[in-house]
């Protein structure tokens, strides 16, 4: 479905031919995936996976409840590789899930920008983090992560963009991505894969 729209762009068309079709799937427990996304920030994929596995092992490798995470001392999180800041951020997400609500049904009724506005006030959660949640957990198909370094590097390389003027650079990225709507999340997947040499 999405290929027909993206293939109108020559660069995207080539990426799709080389990489094949991409899938976006919806997953449950959005609040927990938000915690894992915070853990993964500024870490290699390998290290992030190790820390995520240690995190889940604290709860018998089952999905914990927000209350269980909130009841886990910061010191316990520190002992498995969390920074102090990330330990507190994970607590912030769990507290928000309990007090404000972050269940899948509630988020499912909200538009993408509504979800961003709803979750960004949580200390430790930025727009990029919520965009990753939208794509990889909530299965939203039209998210363009303009602040993602991998996306930026791919677009510099593939579309011959210049980063020296940040405001113009982002405006150029958004202009190029406009025709990819309503499937910009798929475009991101192809751009990330191209950054990995695929």
N, C-alpha and C. Protein backbone atom coordinates (compact mmCIF):
# COMPACT_ATOMS: atom_id res chain seq x y z
N UNK A 1 0.83 -1.21 0.00
CA UNK A 1 0.00 0.00 0.00
C UNK A 1 0.87 1.26 0.00
N UNK A 2 1.80 1.35 0.96
CA UNK A 2 2.59 2.57 1.10
C UNK A 2 3.57 2.77 -0.06
N UNK A 3 4.00 1.64 -0.70
CA UNK A 3 5.03 1.75 -1.73
C UNK A 3 4.59 2.63 -2.89
N UNK A 4 3.30 2.55 -3.23
CA UNK A 4 2.79 3.32 -4.37
C UNK A 4 3.01 4.82 -4.18
N UNK A 5 2.81 5.29 -2.94
CA UNK A 5 3.01 6.71 -2.63
C UNK A 5 4.50 7.06 -2.60
N UNK A 6 5.30 6.25 -1.90
CA UNK A 6 6.71 6.58 -1.73
C UNK A 6 7.50 6.44 -3.02
N UNK A 7 7.09 5.51 -3.89
CA UNK A 7 7.84 5.28 -5.14
C UNK A 7 7.75 6.45 -6.12
N UNK A 8 6.85 7.38 -5.86
CA UNK A 8 6.79 8.59 -6.70
C UNK A 8 8.05 9.42 -6.53
N UNK A 9 8.73 9.23 -5.40
CA UNK A 9 10.02 9.86 -5.14
C UNK A 9 11.09 8.89 -5.63
N UNK A 10 11.96 9.35 -6.53
CA UNK A 10 12.97 8.46 -7.14
C UNK A 10 13.89 7.82 -6.09
N UNK A 11 14.31 8.63 -5.13
CA UNK A 11 15.23 8.12 -4.08
C UNK A 11 14.52 7.05 -3.25
N UNK A 12 13.30 7.34 -2.82
CA UNK A 12 12.53 6.37 -2.04
C UNK A 12 12.27 5.10 -2.85
N UNK A 13 11.95 5.29 -4.12
CA UNK A 13 11.70 4.15 -4.98
C UNK A 13 12.89 3.21 -5.04
N UNK A 14 14.08 3.78 -5.13
CA UNK A 14 15.31 2.97 -5.16
C UNK A 14 15.52 2.24 -3.84
N UNK A 15 15.30 2.95 -2.73
CA UNK A 15 15.46 2.31 -1.41
C UNK A 15 14.50 1.13 -1.25
N UNK A 16 13.26 1.31 -1.71
CA UNK A 16 12.26 0.23 -1.60
C UNK A 16 12.67 -0.97 -2.44
N UNK A 17 13.19 -0.70 -3.65
CA UNK A 17 13.63 -1.81 -4.52
C UNK A 17 14.78 -2.59 -3.88
N UNK A 18 15.72 -1.86 -3.29
CA UNK A 18 16.90 -2.50 -2.69
C UNK A 18 16.55 -3.23 -1.38
N UNK A 19 15.73 -2.58 -0.54
CA UNK A 19 15.47 -3.09 0.82
C UNK A 19 14.26 -4.01 0.92
N UNK A 20 13.33 -3.89 -0.02
CA UNK A 20 12.09 -4.65 0.09
C UNK A 20 11.09 -3.93 0.98
N UNK A 21 9.99 -4.57 1.23
CA UNK A 21 8.89 -3.96 1.98
C UNK A 21 9.19 -3.90 3.48
N UNK A 22 8.75 -2.84 4.12
CA UNK A 22 8.89 -2.68 5.57
C UNK A 22 7.53 -2.87 6.24
N UNK A 23 7.57 -3.30 7.49
CA UNK A 23 6.33 -3.52 8.26
C UNK A 23 6.33 -2.63 9.50
N UNK A 24 5.15 -2.15 9.84
CA UNK A 24 4.96 -1.43 11.11
C UNK A 24 3.89 -2.18 11.89
N UNK A 25 4.24 -2.59 13.10
CA UNK A 25 3.29 -3.37 13.90
C UNK A 25 2.93 -2.64 15.19
N UNK A 26 1.73 -2.91 15.66
CA UNK A 26 1.24 -2.29 16.90
C UNK A 26 1.54 -3.24 18.06
N UNK A 27 2.00 -2.69 19.17
CA UNK A 27 2.29 -3.51 20.35
C UNK A 27 1.56 -2.95 21.56
N UNK A 28 1.37 -3.80 22.55
CA UNK A 28 0.67 -3.39 23.78
C UNK A 28 1.66 -2.86 24.81
N UNK A 29 1.12 -2.38 25.94
CA UNK A 29 1.93 -1.86 27.05
C UNK A 29 2.77 -0.66 26.63
N UNK A 30 2.11 0.36 26.10
CA UNK A 30 2.82 1.56 25.61
C UNK A 30 3.69 2.18 26.70
N UNK A 31 3.20 2.24 27.93
CA UNK A 31 3.97 2.88 29.01
C UNK A 31 5.30 2.16 29.23
N UNK A 32 5.29 0.82 29.12
CA UNK A 32 6.51 0.04 29.33
C UNK A 32 7.49 0.25 28.18
N UNK A 33 6.96 0.32 26.96
CA UNK A 33 7.82 0.58 25.80
C UNK A 33 8.43 1.98 25.89
N UNK A 34 7.70 2.91 26.49
CA UNK A 34 8.24 4.25 26.70
C UNK A 34 9.42 4.19 27.67
N UNK A 35 9.28 3.39 28.71
CA UNK A 35 10.40 3.19 29.65
C UNK A 35 11.62 2.61 28.93
N UNK A 36 11.39 1.59 28.12
CA UNK A 36 12.49 0.93 27.40
C UNK A 36 13.15 1.90 26.42
N UNK A 37 12.33 2.74 25.79
CA UNK A 37 12.86 3.74 24.86
C UNK A 37 13.78 4.72 25.59
N UNK A 38 13.41 5.11 26.80
CA UNK A 38 14.25 6.00 27.61
C UNK A 38 15.57 5.31 27.94
N UNK A 39 15.49 4.03 28.30
CA UNK A 39 16.70 3.27 28.63
C UNK A 39 17.67 3.21 27.45
N UNK A 40 17.12 3.15 26.24
CA UNK A 40 17.92 2.96 25.04
C UNK A 40 18.62 4.23 24.55
N UNK A 41 18.19 5.37 25.05
CA UNK A 41 18.74 6.64 24.57
C UNK A 41 20.26 6.70 24.78
N UNK A 42 20.95 7.12 23.71
CA UNK A 42 22.40 7.34 23.73
C UNK A 42 23.20 6.07 24.04
N UNK A 43 22.60 4.92 23.77
CA UNK A 43 23.30 3.64 23.94
C UNK A 43 23.32 2.87 22.62
N UNK A 44 24.32 2.03 22.44
CA UNK A 44 24.32 1.17 21.26
C UNK A 44 23.16 0.18 21.39
N UNK A 45 22.73 -0.36 20.27
CA UNK A 45 21.62 -1.32 20.28
C UNK A 45 21.94 -2.51 21.18
N UNK A 46 23.18 -2.98 21.12
CA UNK A 46 23.60 -4.15 21.89
C UNK A 46 23.52 -3.88 23.40
N UNK A 47 24.06 -2.75 23.84
CA UNK A 47 24.06 -2.40 25.27
C UNK A 47 22.62 -2.16 25.74
N UNK A 48 21.83 -1.49 24.90
CA UNK A 48 20.43 -1.22 25.26
C UNK A 48 19.66 -2.51 25.47
N UNK A 49 19.92 -3.50 24.62
CA UNK A 49 19.23 -4.79 24.74
C UNK A 49 19.60 -5.49 26.05
N UNK A 50 20.87 -5.44 26.41
CA UNK A 50 21.34 -6.07 27.66
C UNK A 50 20.64 -5.43 28.86
N UNK A 51 20.58 -4.09 28.89
CA UNK A 51 19.97 -3.39 30.03
C UNK A 51 18.46 -3.64 30.06
N UNK A 52 17.84 -3.67 28.88
CA UNK A 52 16.39 -3.96 28.82
C UNK A 52 16.12 -5.36 29.40
N UNK A 53 16.95 -6.34 29.03
CA UNK A 53 16.76 -7.71 29.53
C UNK A 53 16.95 -7.78 31.05
N UNK A 54 17.93 -7.05 31.56
CA UNK A 54 18.14 -7.00 33.03
C UNK A 54 16.94 -6.36 33.72
N UNK A 55 16.41 -5.31 33.10
CA UNK A 55 15.24 -4.60 33.63
C UNK A 55 14.05 -5.56 33.75
N UNK A 56 13.75 -6.29 32.69
CA UNK A 56 12.61 -7.22 32.71
C UNK A 56 12.87 -8.39 33.66
N UNK A 57 14.16 -8.78 33.79
CA UNK A 57 14.51 -9.89 34.69
C UNK A 57 14.20 -9.55 36.15
N UNK A 58 14.19 -8.27 36.48
CA UNK A 58 13.83 -7.86 37.84
C UNK A 58 12.41 -8.32 38.20
N UNK A 59 11.59 -8.51 37.18
CA UNK A 59 10.17 -8.87 37.40
C UNK A 59 9.87 -10.26 36.87
N UNK A 60 10.90 -11.13 36.89
CA UNK A 60 10.72 -12.50 36.43
C UNK A 60 10.52 -12.58 34.93
N UNK A 61 11.09 -11.60 34.20
CA UNK A 61 10.99 -11.51 32.74
C UNK A 61 9.55 -11.37 32.25
N UNK A 62 8.65 -10.98 33.17
CA UNK A 62 7.26 -10.70 32.79
C UNK A 62 7.10 -9.18 32.70
N UNK A 63 6.04 -8.76 32.00
CA UNK A 63 5.79 -7.32 31.94
C UNK A 63 5.33 -6.83 33.30
N UNK A 64 6.09 -5.90 33.92
CA UNK A 64 5.69 -5.39 35.23
C UNK A 64 4.52 -4.41 35.10
N UNK A 65 3.86 -4.15 36.21
CA UNK A 65 2.83 -3.11 36.24
C UNK A 65 3.53 -1.78 36.54
N UNK A 66 2.89 -0.66 36.24
CA UNK A 66 3.49 0.63 36.60
C UNK A 66 3.80 0.72 38.10
N UNK A 67 2.93 0.14 38.94
CA UNK A 67 3.15 0.20 40.39
C UNK A 67 4.40 -0.59 40.79
N UNK A 68 4.62 -1.74 40.15
CA UNK A 68 5.83 -2.52 40.45
C UNK A 68 7.09 -1.74 40.11
N UNK A 69 7.06 -1.04 38.98
CA UNK A 69 8.23 -0.25 38.58
C UNK A 69 8.43 0.92 39.54
N UNK A 70 7.35 1.56 39.92
CA UNK A 70 7.44 2.69 40.85
C UNK A 70 7.96 2.23 42.22
N UNK A 71 7.62 1.00 42.60
CA UNK A 71 8.05 0.45 43.90
C UNK A 71 9.51 -0.03 43.88
N UNK A 72 10.12 -0.10 42.70
CA UNK A 72 11.51 -0.56 42.60
C UNK A 72 12.45 0.59 42.92
N UNK A 73 13.31 0.44 43.93
CA UNK A 73 14.20 1.55 44.32
C UNK A 73 15.15 1.97 43.20
N UNK A 74 15.48 3.24 43.19
CA UNK A 74 16.45 3.77 42.21
C UNK A 74 17.76 2.98 42.30
N UNK A 75 18.15 2.61 43.51
CA UNK A 75 19.42 1.88 43.71
C UNK A 75 19.40 0.54 42.96
N UNK A 76 18.24 -0.10 42.91
CA UNK A 76 18.12 -1.37 42.19
C UNK A 76 18.35 -1.14 40.70
N UNK A 77 17.74 -0.10 40.17
CA UNK A 77 17.93 0.23 38.76
C UNK A 77 19.40 0.58 38.47
N UNK A 78 20.01 1.32 39.39
CA UNK A 78 21.42 1.69 39.22
C UNK A 78 22.30 0.44 39.16
N UNK A 79 21.93 -0.58 39.95
CA UNK A 79 22.76 -1.80 40.03
C UNK A 79 22.74 -2.62 38.74
N UNK A 80 21.76 -2.35 37.86
CA UNK A 80 21.71 -3.11 36.60
C UNK A 80 22.10 -2.25 35.39
N UNK A 81 22.66 -1.06 35.67
CA UNK A 81 23.23 -0.27 34.59
C UNK A 81 22.51 1.00 34.22
N UNK A 82 21.43 1.35 34.93
CA UNK A 82 20.75 2.62 34.66
C UNK A 82 21.62 3.77 35.18
N UNK A 83 21.58 4.89 34.51
CA UNK A 83 22.13 6.11 35.11
C UNK A 83 21.11 6.58 36.14
N UNK A 84 21.54 7.47 37.01
CA UNK A 84 20.63 8.01 38.02
C UNK A 84 19.44 8.72 37.36
N UNK A 85 19.75 9.48 36.31
CA UNK A 85 18.70 10.22 35.61
C UNK A 85 17.68 9.26 35.00
N UNK A 86 18.15 8.22 34.32
CA UNK A 86 17.23 7.29 33.66
C UNK A 86 16.38 6.52 34.68
N UNK A 87 16.96 6.20 35.83
CA UNK A 87 16.20 5.53 36.88
C UNK A 87 15.03 6.42 37.32
N UNK A 88 15.30 7.70 37.47
CA UNK A 88 14.24 8.64 37.86
C UNK A 88 13.22 8.85 36.75
N UNK A 89 13.69 8.88 35.51
CA UNK A 89 12.78 9.06 34.37
C UNK A 89 11.80 7.89 34.25
N UNK A 90 12.31 6.68 34.47
CA UNK A 90 11.45 5.50 34.41
C UNK A 90 10.39 5.56 35.51
N UNK A 91 10.79 6.02 36.69
CA UNK A 91 9.83 6.23 37.77
C UNK A 91 8.78 7.28 37.36
N UNK A 92 9.24 8.34 36.68
CA UNK A 92 8.31 9.39 36.24
C UNK A 92 7.25 8.83 35.29
N UNK A 93 7.69 7.97 34.36
CA UNK A 93 6.75 7.36 33.41
C UNK A 93 5.74 6.48 34.14
N UNK A 94 6.23 5.65 35.07
CA UNK A 94 5.35 4.76 35.82
C UNK A 94 4.34 5.56 36.65
N UNK A 95 4.81 6.64 37.27
CA UNK A 95 3.93 7.49 38.07
C UNK A 95 2.86 8.13 37.19
N UNK A 96 3.26 8.60 36.02
CA UNK A 96 2.31 9.22 35.08
C UNK A 96 1.27 8.20 34.63
N UNK A 97 1.73 6.98 34.35
CA UNK A 97 0.80 5.92 33.91
C UNK A 97 -0.25 5.64 34.97
N UNK A 98 0.15 5.70 36.24
CA UNK A 98 -0.78 5.46 37.34
C UNK A 98 -1.73 6.65 37.54
N UNK A 99 -1.15 7.85 37.56
CA UNK A 99 -1.94 9.04 37.93
C UNK A 99 -2.76 9.62 36.78
N UNK A 100 -2.21 9.60 35.57
CA UNK A 100 -2.87 10.25 34.43
C UNK A 100 -3.48 9.25 33.45
N UNK A 101 -2.88 8.07 33.39
CA UNK A 101 -3.37 7.04 32.47
C UNK A 101 -2.58 7.02 31.17
N UNK A 102 -2.12 5.82 30.80
CA UNK A 102 -1.39 5.66 29.55
C UNK A 102 -1.74 4.33 28.91
N UNK A 103 -2.98 3.89 29.15
CA UNK A 103 -3.35 2.58 28.61
C UNK A 103 -3.53 2.68 27.10
N UNK A 104 -3.45 1.54 26.43
CA UNK A 104 -3.46 1.49 24.97
C UNK A 104 -4.75 2.05 24.39
N UNK A 105 -5.87 1.81 25.07
CA UNK A 105 -7.16 2.29 24.57
C UNK A 105 -7.21 3.82 24.57
N UNK A 106 -6.72 4.41 25.67
CA UNK A 106 -6.73 5.87 25.79
C UNK A 106 -5.86 6.51 24.70
N UNK A 107 -4.64 5.99 24.53
CA UNK A 107 -3.74 6.54 23.52
C UNK A 107 -4.28 6.29 22.12
N UNK A 108 -4.95 5.15 21.94
CA UNK A 108 -5.49 4.79 20.63
C UNK A 108 -6.52 5.77 20.11
N UNK A 109 -7.16 6.49 21.01
CA UNK A 109 -8.19 7.47 20.61
C UNK A 109 -7.61 8.84 20.29
N UNK A 110 -6.31 9.01 20.53
CA UNK A 110 -5.69 10.33 20.37
C UNK A 110 -4.93 10.43 19.05
N UNK A 111 -4.89 11.66 18.50
CA UNK A 111 -4.08 11.94 17.31
C UNK A 111 -2.60 11.97 17.71
N UNK A 112 -1.71 11.85 16.71
CA UNK A 112 -0.27 11.82 16.98
C UNK A 112 0.20 13.03 17.79
N UNK A 113 -0.16 14.22 17.35
CA UNK A 113 0.30 15.44 18.04
C UNK A 113 -0.31 15.54 19.44
N UNK A 114 -1.53 15.04 19.61
CA UNK A 114 -2.15 15.01 20.94
C UNK A 114 -1.33 14.15 21.89
N UNK A 115 -0.88 13.00 21.40
CA UNK A 115 -0.08 12.08 22.22
C UNK A 115 1.25 12.73 22.59
N UNK A 116 1.87 13.41 21.63
CA UNK A 116 3.13 14.11 21.91
C UNK A 116 2.91 15.16 22.99
N UNK A 117 1.87 15.97 22.83
CA UNK A 117 1.56 17.02 23.83
C UNK A 117 1.23 16.41 25.20
N UNK A 118 0.63 15.25 25.20
CA UNK A 118 0.21 14.58 26.43
C UNK A 118 1.41 14.01 27.20
N UNK A 119 2.38 13.44 26.47
CA UNK A 119 3.47 12.72 27.14
C UNK A 119 4.75 13.55 27.35
N UNK A 120 4.98 14.58 26.54
CA UNK A 120 6.22 15.36 26.66
C UNK A 120 6.37 16.06 28.02
N UNK A 121 5.28 16.43 28.72
CA UNK A 121 5.47 17.02 30.05
C UNK A 121 6.13 16.08 31.08
N UNK A 122 6.17 14.77 30.80
CA UNK A 122 6.85 13.84 31.72
C UNK A 122 8.34 14.14 31.66
N UNK A 123 8.95 14.43 32.81
CA UNK A 123 10.38 14.74 32.82
C UNK A 123 11.18 13.52 32.35
N UNK A 124 12.00 13.74 31.33
CA UNK A 124 12.78 12.65 30.76
C UNK A 124 12.24 12.17 29.43
N UNK A 125 11.06 12.68 29.06
CA UNK A 125 10.43 12.28 27.79
C UNK A 125 10.42 13.49 26.85
N UNK A 126 11.06 13.34 25.70
CA UNK A 126 11.07 14.41 24.71
C UNK A 126 10.27 14.01 23.48
N UNK A 127 10.18 14.93 22.56
CA UNK A 127 9.39 14.69 21.34
C UNK A 127 9.90 13.45 20.58
N UNK A 128 11.24 13.34 20.44
CA UNK A 128 11.81 12.19 19.71
C UNK A 128 11.38 10.88 20.35
N UNK A 129 11.43 10.81 21.68
CA UNK A 129 11.06 9.58 22.40
C UNK A 129 9.62 9.20 22.10
N UNK A 130 8.73 10.19 22.09
CA UNK A 130 7.32 9.90 21.81
C UNK A 130 7.14 9.50 20.34
N UNK A 131 7.90 10.13 19.44
CA UNK A 131 7.82 9.74 18.03
C UNK A 131 8.21 8.28 17.83
N UNK A 132 9.23 7.83 18.56
CA UNK A 132 9.62 6.41 18.47
C UNK A 132 8.49 5.51 18.99
N UNK A 133 7.82 5.97 20.05
CA UNK A 133 6.68 5.23 20.60
C UNK A 133 5.55 5.16 19.57
N UNK A 134 5.30 6.28 18.90
CA UNK A 134 4.23 6.33 17.90
C UNK A 134 4.50 5.33 16.77
N UNK A 135 5.75 5.26 16.32
CA UNK A 135 6.07 4.37 15.19
C UNK A 135 6.13 2.92 15.64
N UNK A 136 6.94 2.64 16.65
CA UNK A 136 7.29 1.25 16.97
C UNK A 136 6.35 0.56 17.96
N UNK A 137 5.50 1.31 18.65
CA UNK A 137 4.56 0.70 19.59
C UNK A 137 3.11 0.92 19.19
N UNK A 138 2.79 2.17 18.85
CA UNK A 138 1.40 2.48 18.52
C UNK A 138 1.08 2.25 17.05
N UNK A 139 2.11 1.95 16.25
CA UNK A 139 1.89 1.60 14.84
C UNK A 139 1.38 2.74 13.99
N UNK A 140 1.73 3.97 14.34
CA UNK A 140 1.28 5.12 13.56
C UNK A 140 2.11 5.22 12.27
N UNK A 141 1.43 5.42 11.15
CA UNK A 141 2.08 5.31 9.84
C UNK A 141 2.62 6.63 9.28
N UNK A 142 2.29 7.76 9.89
CA UNK A 142 2.66 9.04 9.28
C UNK A 142 3.45 9.93 10.23
N UNK A 143 4.51 9.37 10.81
CA UNK A 143 5.37 10.13 11.72
C UNK A 143 6.71 10.38 11.01
N UNK A 144 7.14 11.62 10.99
CA UNK A 144 8.45 11.93 10.40
C UNK A 144 9.36 12.49 11.47
N UNK A 145 10.36 11.71 11.86
CA UNK A 145 11.25 12.06 12.98
C UNK A 145 12.36 13.00 12.51
N UNK A 146 12.02 14.27 12.36
CA UNK A 146 12.94 15.25 11.77
C UNK A 146 14.17 15.48 12.64
N UNK A 147 14.07 15.23 13.95
CA UNK A 147 15.21 15.46 14.85
C UNK A 147 16.10 14.24 15.03
N UNK A 148 15.74 13.13 14.39
CA UNK A 148 16.53 11.91 14.55
C UNK A 148 17.83 12.02 13.74
N UNK A 149 18.95 11.75 14.40
CA UNK A 149 20.26 11.90 13.75
C UNK A 149 20.43 10.96 12.56
N UNK A 150 19.93 9.73 12.71
CA UNK A 150 20.03 8.76 11.61
C UNK A 150 19.25 9.22 10.38
N UNK A 151 18.05 9.77 10.61
CA UNK A 151 17.23 10.29 9.51
C UNK A 151 17.93 11.49 8.87
N UNK A 152 18.47 12.37 9.70
CA UNK A 152 19.16 13.55 9.18
C UNK A 152 20.35 13.16 8.32
N UNK A 153 21.17 12.23 8.82
CA UNK A 153 22.37 11.81 8.07
C UNK A 153 21.99 11.16 6.75
N UNK A 154 20.94 10.35 6.77
CA UNK A 154 20.49 9.68 5.55
C UNK A 154 20.02 10.71 4.52
N UNK A 155 19.29 11.72 4.97
CA UNK A 155 18.77 12.72 4.04
C UNK A 155 19.88 13.63 3.50
N UNK A 156 20.88 13.90 4.33
CA UNK A 156 22.04 14.66 3.84
C UNK A 156 22.70 13.90 2.70
N UNK A 157 22.88 12.61 2.90
CA UNK A 157 23.56 11.77 1.92
C UNK A 157 22.72 11.55 0.65
N UNK A 158 21.44 11.25 0.84
CA UNK A 158 20.59 10.86 -0.29
C UNK A 158 20.01 12.04 -1.05
N UNK A 159 19.80 13.17 -0.36
CA UNK A 159 19.16 14.32 -1.00
C UNK A 159 20.09 15.53 -1.10
N UNK A 160 21.37 15.31 -0.77
CA UNK A 160 22.39 16.35 -0.91
C UNK A 160 22.01 17.62 -0.14
N UNK A 161 21.59 17.43 1.11
CA UNK A 161 21.21 18.56 1.94
C UNK A 161 22.41 19.08 2.73
N UNK A 162 22.29 20.31 3.20
CA UNK A 162 23.35 20.96 3.96
C UNK A 162 22.84 21.26 5.37
N UNK A 163 23.61 20.86 6.37
CA UNK A 163 23.19 21.00 7.76
C UNK A 163 23.61 22.34 8.38
N UNK A 164 24.43 23.12 7.69
CA UNK A 164 25.04 24.31 8.32
C UNK A 164 24.01 25.31 8.85
N UNK A 165 22.89 25.48 8.15
CA UNK A 165 21.80 26.32 8.64
C UNK A 165 20.71 25.39 9.15
N UNK A 166 20.67 25.21 10.48
CA UNK A 166 19.78 24.19 11.06
C UNK A 166 18.31 24.41 10.73
N UNK A 167 17.88 25.67 10.77
CA UNK A 167 16.48 25.99 10.51
C UNK A 167 16.12 25.63 9.06
N UNK A 168 16.97 26.03 8.13
CA UNK A 168 16.73 25.74 6.70
C UNK A 168 16.81 24.22 6.46
N UNK A 169 17.77 23.59 7.12
CA UNK A 169 17.95 22.14 6.96
C UNK A 169 16.68 21.38 7.33
N UNK A 170 16.10 21.70 8.48
CA UNK A 170 14.88 21.01 8.91
C UNK A 170 13.70 21.36 8.00
N UNK A 171 13.66 22.61 7.56
CA UNK A 171 12.59 23.02 6.63
C UNK A 171 12.70 22.23 5.33
N UNK A 172 13.94 22.04 4.84
CA UNK A 172 14.16 21.26 3.61
C UNK A 172 13.74 19.80 3.81
N UNK A 173 14.09 19.24 4.97
CA UNK A 173 13.69 17.86 5.27
C UNK A 173 12.17 17.71 5.25
N UNK A 174 11.49 18.65 5.91
CA UNK A 174 10.03 18.59 5.98
C UNK A 174 9.40 18.78 4.60
N UNK A 175 9.99 19.68 3.80
CA UNK A 175 9.46 19.91 2.44
C UNK A 175 9.59 18.65 1.59
N UNK A 176 10.76 18.01 1.66
CA UNK A 176 10.98 16.78 0.88
C UNK A 176 10.04 15.67 1.33
N UNK A 177 9.79 15.62 2.65
CA UNK A 177 8.98 14.52 3.20
C UNK A 177 7.47 14.69 2.99
N UNK A 178 7.04 15.90 2.70
CA UNK A 178 5.59 16.16 2.58
C UNK A 178 4.87 15.22 1.61
N UNK A 179 5.43 14.98 0.40
CA UNK A 179 4.74 14.09 -0.54
C UNK A 179 4.68 12.62 -0.07
N UNK A 180 5.45 12.28 0.96
CA UNK A 180 5.45 10.90 1.46
C UNK A 180 4.25 10.62 2.37
N UNK A 181 3.56 11.68 2.79
CA UNK A 181 2.36 11.49 3.63
C UNK A 181 1.31 10.73 2.83
N UNK A 182 0.51 9.87 3.47
CA UNK A 182 0.42 9.60 4.92
C UNK A 182 1.25 8.38 5.38
N UNK A 183 2.43 8.19 4.75
CA UNK A 183 3.23 7.00 5.07
C UNK A 183 4.67 7.36 5.44
N UNK A 184 4.84 8.48 6.15
CA UNK A 184 6.19 8.93 6.45
C UNK A 184 6.92 8.04 7.46
N UNK A 185 6.19 7.28 8.26
CA UNK A 185 6.86 6.34 9.18
C UNK A 185 7.62 5.28 8.39
N UNK A 186 7.02 4.82 7.29
CA UNK A 186 7.69 3.84 6.43
C UNK A 186 8.93 4.46 5.78
N UNK A 187 8.80 5.73 5.39
CA UNK A 187 9.96 6.43 4.83
C UNK A 187 11.10 6.46 5.85
N UNK A 188 10.76 6.70 7.12
CA UNK A 188 11.78 6.69 8.18
C UNK A 188 12.46 5.32 8.26
N UNK A 189 11.67 4.26 8.20
CA UNK A 189 12.25 2.91 8.26
C UNK A 189 13.25 2.69 7.13
N UNK A 190 12.90 3.14 5.93
CA UNK A 190 13.80 2.98 4.79
C UNK A 190 15.04 3.87 4.93
N UNK A 191 14.86 5.07 5.46
CA UNK A 191 16.01 5.96 5.66
C UNK A 191 16.96 5.40 6.72
N UNK A 192 16.40 4.85 7.81
CA UNK A 192 17.27 4.23 8.83
C UNK A 192 18.05 3.06 8.25
N UNK A 193 17.36 2.24 7.46
CA UNK A 193 18.03 1.09 6.86
C UNK A 193 19.14 1.54 5.90
N UNK A 194 18.91 2.64 5.20
CA UNK A 194 19.94 3.15 4.28
C UNK A 194 21.15 3.65 5.06
N UNK A 195 20.90 4.20 6.24
CA UNK A 195 22.00 4.68 7.09
C UNK A 195 22.84 3.51 7.59
N UNK A 196 22.20 2.34 7.68
CA UNK A 196 22.92 1.12 8.10
C UNK A 196 23.60 0.43 6.92
N UNK A 197 23.55 1.08 5.76
CA UNK A 197 24.24 0.54 4.59
C UNK A 197 23.41 -0.40 3.75
N UNK A 198 22.09 -0.42 3.98
CA UNK A 198 21.23 -1.33 3.20
C UNK A 198 20.59 -0.59 2.04
